[in-house]
């Protein structure tokens, strides 16, 4: 009798805690540490977007430094499309050599400075 009760309790136990699966940044393909995790709206909230993806904070800041919300809404609403932009390609090559937890303040693109 005790064997059946024990078996039932064991089957109801919470499975052993597994190591959390690392989230990979869809921009730079590096694991994102919790301290650098930012949620990016694929279509800006101001344009009605609801879907988000986790990115490195530095990758997220770079996107907003390079593109206006209208551009993100109309042209760059997917990670793969963003990755193909020439300025993002240069950024990705540069950031891939940095540690996963690396962060540096991002400057706004000179192309966007006049549109603020």
N, C-alpha and C. Protein backbone atom coordinates (compact mmCIF):
# COMPACT_ATOMS: atom_id res chain seq x y z
N UNK A 1 0.82 -1.19 0.00
CA UNK A 1 0.00 0.00 0.00
C UNK A 1 0.87 1.26 0.00
N UNK A 2 1.87 1.31 0.82
CA UNK A 2 2.73 2.49 0.87
C UNK A 2 3.43 2.69 -0.47
N UNK A 3 3.75 1.65 -1.14
CA UNK A 3 4.39 1.76 -2.44
C UNK A 3 3.52 2.51 -3.45
N UNK A 4 2.20 2.24 -3.46
CA UNK A 4 1.31 2.91 -4.39
C UNK A 4 1.15 4.39 -4.05
N UNK A 5 1.04 4.70 -2.78
CA UNK A 5 0.92 6.09 -2.35
C UNK A 5 2.19 6.85 -2.70
N UNK A 6 3.31 6.25 -2.40
CA UNK A 6 4.59 6.89 -2.72
C UNK A 6 4.72 7.12 -4.22
N UNK A 7 4.33 6.13 -5.01
CA UNK A 7 4.41 6.24 -6.46
C UNK A 7 3.52 7.39 -6.96
N UNK A 8 2.33 7.53 -6.38
CA UNK A 8 1.42 8.60 -6.78
C UNK A 8 2.02 9.96 -6.43
N UNK A 9 2.59 10.09 -5.24
CA UNK A 9 3.20 11.35 -4.83
C UNK A 9 4.38 11.72 -5.72
N UNK A 10 5.18 10.76 -6.05
CA UNK A 10 6.34 11.01 -6.91
C UNK A 10 5.88 11.48 -8.29
N UNK A 11 4.82 10.89 -8.82
CA UNK A 11 4.34 11.29 -10.15
C UNK A 11 3.76 12.71 -10.13
N UNK A 12 3.33 13.18 -8.96
CA UNK A 12 2.75 14.52 -8.85
C UNK A 12 3.79 15.58 -8.52
N UNK A 13 4.98 15.16 -8.14
CA UNK A 13 6.02 16.13 -7.79
C UNK A 13 6.39 16.98 -8.99
N UNK A 14 6.81 18.17 -8.68
CA UNK A 14 7.30 19.07 -9.72
C UNK A 14 8.59 18.47 -10.26
N UNK A 15 8.75 18.41 -11.57
CA UNK A 15 9.98 17.85 -12.14
C UNK A 15 11.20 18.60 -11.63
N UNK A 16 12.31 17.92 -11.60
CA UNK A 16 13.56 18.54 -11.14
C UNK A 16 13.79 19.86 -11.87
N UNK A 17 14.24 20.83 -11.14
CA UNK A 17 14.48 22.15 -11.73
C UNK A 17 15.59 22.01 -12.77
N UNK A 18 15.24 22.42 -13.97
CA UNK A 18 16.20 22.35 -15.06
C UNK A 18 16.88 23.69 -15.22
N UNK A 19 18.07 23.65 -15.74
CA UNK A 19 18.80 24.87 -16.01
C UNK A 19 18.02 25.68 -17.05
N UNK A 20 17.78 26.98 -16.77
CA UNK A 20 17.02 27.77 -17.74
C UNK A 20 17.72 27.81 -19.10
N UNK A 21 16.91 27.75 -20.13
CA UNK A 21 17.45 27.79 -21.49
C UNK A 21 17.81 29.24 -21.81
N UNK A 22 18.99 29.44 -22.33
CA UNK A 22 19.45 30.79 -22.68
C UNK A 22 18.63 31.33 -23.83
N UNK A 23 18.25 32.59 -23.72
CA UNK A 23 17.55 33.26 -24.81
C UNK A 23 18.62 33.83 -25.73
N UNK A 24 18.49 33.56 -27.02
CA UNK A 24 19.45 34.03 -28.01
C UNK A 24 18.91 35.28 -28.67
N UNK A 25 19.74 36.31 -28.76
CA UNK A 25 19.34 37.56 -29.39
C UNK A 25 19.16 37.32 -30.89
N UNK A 26 18.00 37.65 -31.45
CA UNK A 26 17.77 37.44 -32.88
C UNK A 26 18.55 38.41 -33.76
N UNK A 27 19.15 39.42 -33.17
CA UNK A 27 19.94 40.38 -33.94
C UNK A 27 21.39 39.91 -34.05
N UNK A 28 22.04 39.64 -32.91
CA UNK A 28 23.47 39.30 -32.93
C UNK A 28 23.77 37.82 -32.70
N UNK A 29 22.75 37.01 -32.46
CA UNK A 29 22.90 35.56 -32.25
C UNK A 29 23.77 35.19 -31.05
N UNK A 30 23.79 36.03 -30.02
CA UNK A 30 24.53 35.72 -28.80
C UNK A 30 23.53 35.52 -27.66
N UNK A 31 23.87 34.69 -26.65
CA UNK A 31 22.98 34.53 -25.50
C UNK A 31 22.80 35.86 -24.76
N UNK A 32 21.59 36.10 -24.27
CA UNK A 32 21.28 37.35 -23.57
C UNK A 32 21.26 37.10 -22.06
N UNK A 33 22.18 37.71 -21.31
CA UNK A 33 22.10 37.60 -19.85
C UNK A 33 20.88 38.39 -19.34
N UNK A 34 20.32 37.98 -18.21
CA UNK A 34 19.13 38.66 -17.67
C UNK A 34 19.36 40.16 -17.50
N UNK A 35 20.57 40.55 -17.14
CA UNK A 35 20.86 41.97 -16.91
C UNK A 35 20.81 42.80 -18.18
N UNK A 36 20.86 42.16 -19.34
CA UNK A 36 20.90 42.87 -20.62
C UNK A 36 19.69 42.58 -21.50
N UNK A 37 18.63 42.01 -20.92
CA UNK A 37 17.46 41.59 -21.69
C UNK A 37 16.47 42.76 -21.82
N UNK A 38 16.15 43.13 -23.06
CA UNK A 38 15.18 44.18 -23.36
C UNK A 38 14.11 43.60 -24.29
N UNK A 39 12.86 43.97 -24.06
CA UNK A 39 11.78 43.55 -24.94
C UNK A 39 11.60 44.62 -26.02
N UNK A 40 11.66 44.21 -27.27
CA UNK A 40 11.52 45.12 -28.40
C UNK A 40 10.21 44.84 -29.10
N UNK A 41 9.39 45.88 -29.29
CA UNK A 41 8.15 45.74 -30.06
C UNK A 41 8.53 45.71 -31.54
N UNK A 42 8.20 44.62 -32.21
CA UNK A 42 8.53 44.48 -33.63
C UNK A 42 7.90 45.61 -34.43
N UNK A 43 6.67 45.94 -34.13
CA UNK A 43 6.02 47.13 -34.66
C UNK A 43 5.85 48.03 -33.44
N UNK A 44 6.32 49.27 -33.49
CA UNK A 44 6.27 50.15 -32.31
C UNK A 44 4.86 50.23 -31.70
N UNK A 45 4.82 50.33 -30.38
CA UNK A 45 3.53 50.44 -29.69
C UNK A 45 2.73 51.63 -30.21
N UNK A 46 3.44 52.73 -30.53
CA UNK A 46 2.76 53.93 -31.03
C UNK A 46 2.08 53.68 -32.37
N UNK A 47 2.48 52.61 -33.06
CA UNK A 47 1.89 52.26 -34.35
C UNK A 47 0.95 51.05 -34.21
N UNK A 48 0.62 50.70 -32.97
CA UNK A 48 -0.33 49.61 -32.72
C UNK A 48 0.30 48.24 -32.51
N UNK A 49 1.62 48.17 -32.42
CA UNK A 49 2.29 46.89 -32.25
C UNK A 49 2.10 46.29 -30.86
N UNK A 50 2.02 44.97 -30.80
CA UNK A 50 1.85 44.27 -29.54
C UNK A 50 2.92 43.19 -29.35
N UNK A 51 3.41 42.61 -30.42
CA UNK A 51 4.36 41.50 -30.36
C UNK A 51 5.75 42.01 -29.99
N UNK A 52 6.40 41.30 -29.06
CA UNK A 52 7.75 41.68 -28.66
C UNK A 52 8.71 40.50 -28.82
N UNK A 53 9.98 40.83 -28.89
CA UNK A 53 11.07 39.85 -28.90
C UNK A 53 12.11 40.35 -27.92
N UNK A 54 12.79 39.42 -27.24
CA UNK A 54 13.89 39.82 -26.36
C UNK A 54 15.14 40.03 -27.19
N UNK A 55 15.81 41.14 -26.92
CA UNK A 55 17.08 41.48 -27.56
C UNK A 55 18.06 41.90 -26.48
N UNK A 56 19.36 41.91 -26.83
CA UNK A 56 20.35 42.55 -25.96
C UNK A 56 19.98 44.02 -25.87
N UNK A 57 20.20 44.61 -24.73
CA UNK A 57 19.90 46.04 -24.56
C UNK A 57 20.65 46.87 -25.61
N UNK A 58 21.92 46.54 -25.87
CA UNK A 58 22.71 47.32 -26.83
C UNK A 58 22.16 47.16 -28.25
N UNK A 59 21.68 45.98 -28.60
CA UNK A 59 21.09 45.77 -29.93
C UNK A 59 19.79 46.55 -30.06
N UNK A 60 18.99 46.55 -29.00
CA UNK A 60 17.73 47.28 -28.98
C UNK A 60 17.98 48.78 -29.14
N UNK A 61 18.94 49.30 -28.39
CA UNK A 61 19.25 50.73 -28.47
C UNK A 61 19.76 51.09 -29.87
N UNK A 62 20.54 50.20 -30.47
CA UNK A 62 21.08 50.46 -31.81
C UNK A 62 19.95 50.55 -32.84
N UNK A 63 18.97 49.69 -32.72
CA UNK A 63 17.83 49.73 -33.65
C UNK A 63 17.14 51.09 -33.57
N UNK A 64 16.89 51.55 -32.35
CA UNK A 64 16.18 52.83 -32.19
C UNK A 64 17.07 54.03 -32.50
N UNK A 65 18.38 53.84 -32.48
CA UNK A 65 19.29 54.91 -32.88
C UNK A 65 19.34 55.05 -34.40
N UNK A 66 19.08 53.96 -35.11
CA UNK A 66 19.18 53.98 -36.58
C UNK A 66 17.86 54.22 -37.30
N UNK A 67 16.75 53.82 -36.71
CA UNK A 67 15.48 53.83 -37.43
C UNK A 67 14.40 54.61 -36.69
N UNK A 68 13.56 55.28 -37.47
CA UNK A 68 12.41 55.97 -36.89
C UNK A 68 11.32 54.93 -36.62
N UNK A 69 10.33 55.32 -35.84
CA UNK A 69 9.22 54.41 -35.57
C UNK A 69 8.45 54.09 -36.85
N UNK A 70 8.34 55.06 -37.74
CA UNK A 70 7.65 54.81 -39.02
C UNK A 70 8.42 53.79 -39.85
N UNK A 71 9.75 53.90 -39.88
CA UNK A 71 10.57 52.93 -40.63
C UNK A 71 10.43 51.54 -40.02
N UNK A 72 10.42 51.46 -38.69
CA UNK A 72 10.27 50.17 -38.03
C UNK A 72 8.90 49.57 -38.35
N UNK A 73 7.89 50.40 -38.38
CA UNK A 73 6.53 49.94 -38.68
C UNK A 73 6.40 49.47 -40.13
N UNK A 74 6.94 50.23 -41.06
CA UNK A 74 6.71 49.97 -42.48
C UNK A 74 7.72 49.01 -43.12
N UNK A 75 8.99 49.06 -42.67
CA UNK A 75 10.02 48.28 -43.36
C UNK A 75 10.76 47.28 -42.49
N UNK A 76 11.07 47.65 -41.26
CA UNK A 76 11.99 46.87 -40.43
C UNK A 76 11.29 46.24 -39.23
N UNK A 77 10.20 45.51 -39.48
CA UNK A 77 9.41 44.93 -38.40
C UNK A 77 9.73 43.45 -38.15
N UNK A 78 10.90 43.02 -38.57
CA UNK A 78 11.33 41.65 -38.34
C UNK A 78 12.85 41.63 -38.14
N UNK A 79 13.32 40.78 -37.24
CA UNK A 79 14.76 40.73 -36.92
C UNK A 79 15.61 40.46 -38.17
N UNK A 80 15.17 39.55 -39.02
CA UNK A 80 15.96 39.21 -40.21
C UNK A 80 16.11 40.41 -41.14
N UNK A 81 15.06 41.19 -41.29
CA UNK A 81 15.12 42.38 -42.15
C UNK A 81 16.09 43.40 -41.53
N UNK A 82 16.02 43.56 -40.22
CA UNK A 82 16.94 44.49 -39.53
C UNK A 82 18.39 44.07 -39.73
N UNK A 83 18.64 42.76 -39.61
CA UNK A 83 20.01 42.23 -39.74
C UNK A 83 20.61 42.51 -41.11
N UNK A 84 19.79 42.64 -42.13
CA UNK A 84 20.28 42.82 -43.49
C UNK A 84 20.62 44.27 -43.83
N UNK A 85 20.23 45.20 -42.99
CA UNK A 85 20.54 46.61 -43.23
C UNK A 85 22.05 46.82 -43.08
N UNK A 86 22.71 47.55 -44.00
CA UNK A 86 24.17 47.71 -43.96
C UNK A 86 24.72 48.25 -42.64
N UNK A 87 24.06 49.24 -42.04
CA UNK A 87 24.56 49.78 -40.77
C UNK A 87 24.39 48.77 -39.64
N UNK A 88 23.34 47.98 -39.68
CA UNK A 88 23.16 46.94 -38.66
C UNK A 88 24.18 45.83 -38.85
N UNK A 89 24.51 45.51 -40.10
CA UNK A 89 25.54 44.49 -40.35
C UNK A 89 26.87 44.91 -39.73
N UNK A 90 27.24 46.18 -39.90
CA UNK A 90 28.49 46.68 -39.31
C UNK A 90 28.43 46.59 -37.79
N UNK A 91 27.30 46.98 -37.22
CA UNK A 91 27.12 46.92 -35.76
C UNK A 91 27.24 45.48 -35.27
N UNK A 92 26.57 44.55 -35.95
CA UNK A 92 26.58 43.14 -35.54
C UNK A 92 28.00 42.58 -35.56
N UNK A 93 28.75 42.87 -36.61
CA UNK A 93 30.14 42.41 -36.68
C UNK A 93 30.94 42.95 -35.50
N UNK A 94 30.71 44.21 -35.14
CA UNK A 94 31.44 44.83 -34.04
C UNK A 94 31.04 44.22 -32.70
N UNK A 95 29.74 44.07 -32.45
CA UNK A 95 29.27 43.61 -31.14
C UNK A 95 29.53 42.13 -30.91
N UNK A 96 29.67 41.34 -31.98
CA UNK A 96 29.95 39.90 -31.81
C UNK A 96 31.27 39.65 -31.10
N UNK A 97 32.20 40.60 -31.16
CA UNK A 97 33.48 40.45 -30.48
C UNK A 97 33.44 40.86 -29.02
N UNK A 98 32.30 41.29 -28.54
CA UNK A 98 32.15 41.76 -27.16
C UNK A 98 31.55 40.66 -26.29
N UNK A 99 31.78 40.73 -24.97
CA UNK A 99 31.14 39.76 -24.07
C UNK A 99 29.62 39.90 -24.12
N UNK A 100 28.90 38.83 -23.80
CA UNK A 100 27.44 38.85 -23.87
C UNK A 100 26.83 39.92 -22.98
N UNK A 101 27.51 40.27 -21.88
CA UNK A 101 26.97 41.27 -20.95
C UNK A 101 27.45 42.69 -21.27
N UNK A 102 28.14 42.87 -22.38
CA UNK A 102 28.67 44.19 -22.76
C UNK A 102 27.55 45.17 -23.04
N UNK A 103 27.73 46.41 -22.55
CA UNK A 103 26.79 47.48 -22.86
C UNK A 103 27.56 48.78 -22.97
N UNK A 104 27.21 49.57 -23.94
CA UNK A 104 27.81 50.88 -24.14
C UNK A 104 26.70 51.79 -24.65
N UNK A 105 26.74 53.05 -24.22
CA UNK A 105 25.72 53.99 -24.68
C UNK A 105 25.78 54.09 -26.20
N UNK A 106 24.62 54.12 -26.83
CA UNK A 106 24.50 54.18 -28.29
C UNK A 106 24.16 55.60 -28.71
N UNK A 107 24.86 56.07 -29.73
CA UNK A 107 24.58 57.41 -30.25
C UNK A 107 23.52 57.32 -31.34
N UNK A 108 22.69 58.34 -31.39
CA UNK A 108 21.66 58.41 -32.43
C UNK A 108 22.33 58.65 -33.78
N UNK A 109 21.81 58.03 -34.81
CA UNK A 109 22.34 58.18 -36.16
C UNK A 109 22.28 59.65 -36.59
N UNK A 110 23.31 60.10 -37.29
CA UNK A 110 23.31 61.48 -37.80
C UNK A 110 22.15 61.69 -38.77
N UNK A 111 21.71 60.65 -39.43
CA UNK A 111 20.57 60.71 -40.34
C UNK A 111 19.29 61.06 -39.58
N UNK A 112 19.20 60.64 -38.32
CA UNK A 112 17.98 60.87 -37.54
C UNK A 112 18.05 62.14 -36.68
N UNK A 113 19.22 62.67 -36.46
CA UNK A 113 19.37 63.82 -35.56
C UNK A 113 18.51 64.99 -35.95
N UNK A 114 18.34 65.26 -37.22
CA UNK A 114 17.54 66.37 -37.68
C UNK A 114 16.04 66.11 -37.59
N UNK A 115 15.64 64.83 -37.45
CA UNK A 115 14.22 64.51 -37.44
C UNK A 115 13.63 64.49 -36.03
N UNK A 116 14.40 64.80 -34.99
CA UNK A 116 13.88 64.74 -33.61
C UNK A 116 13.02 65.93 -33.30
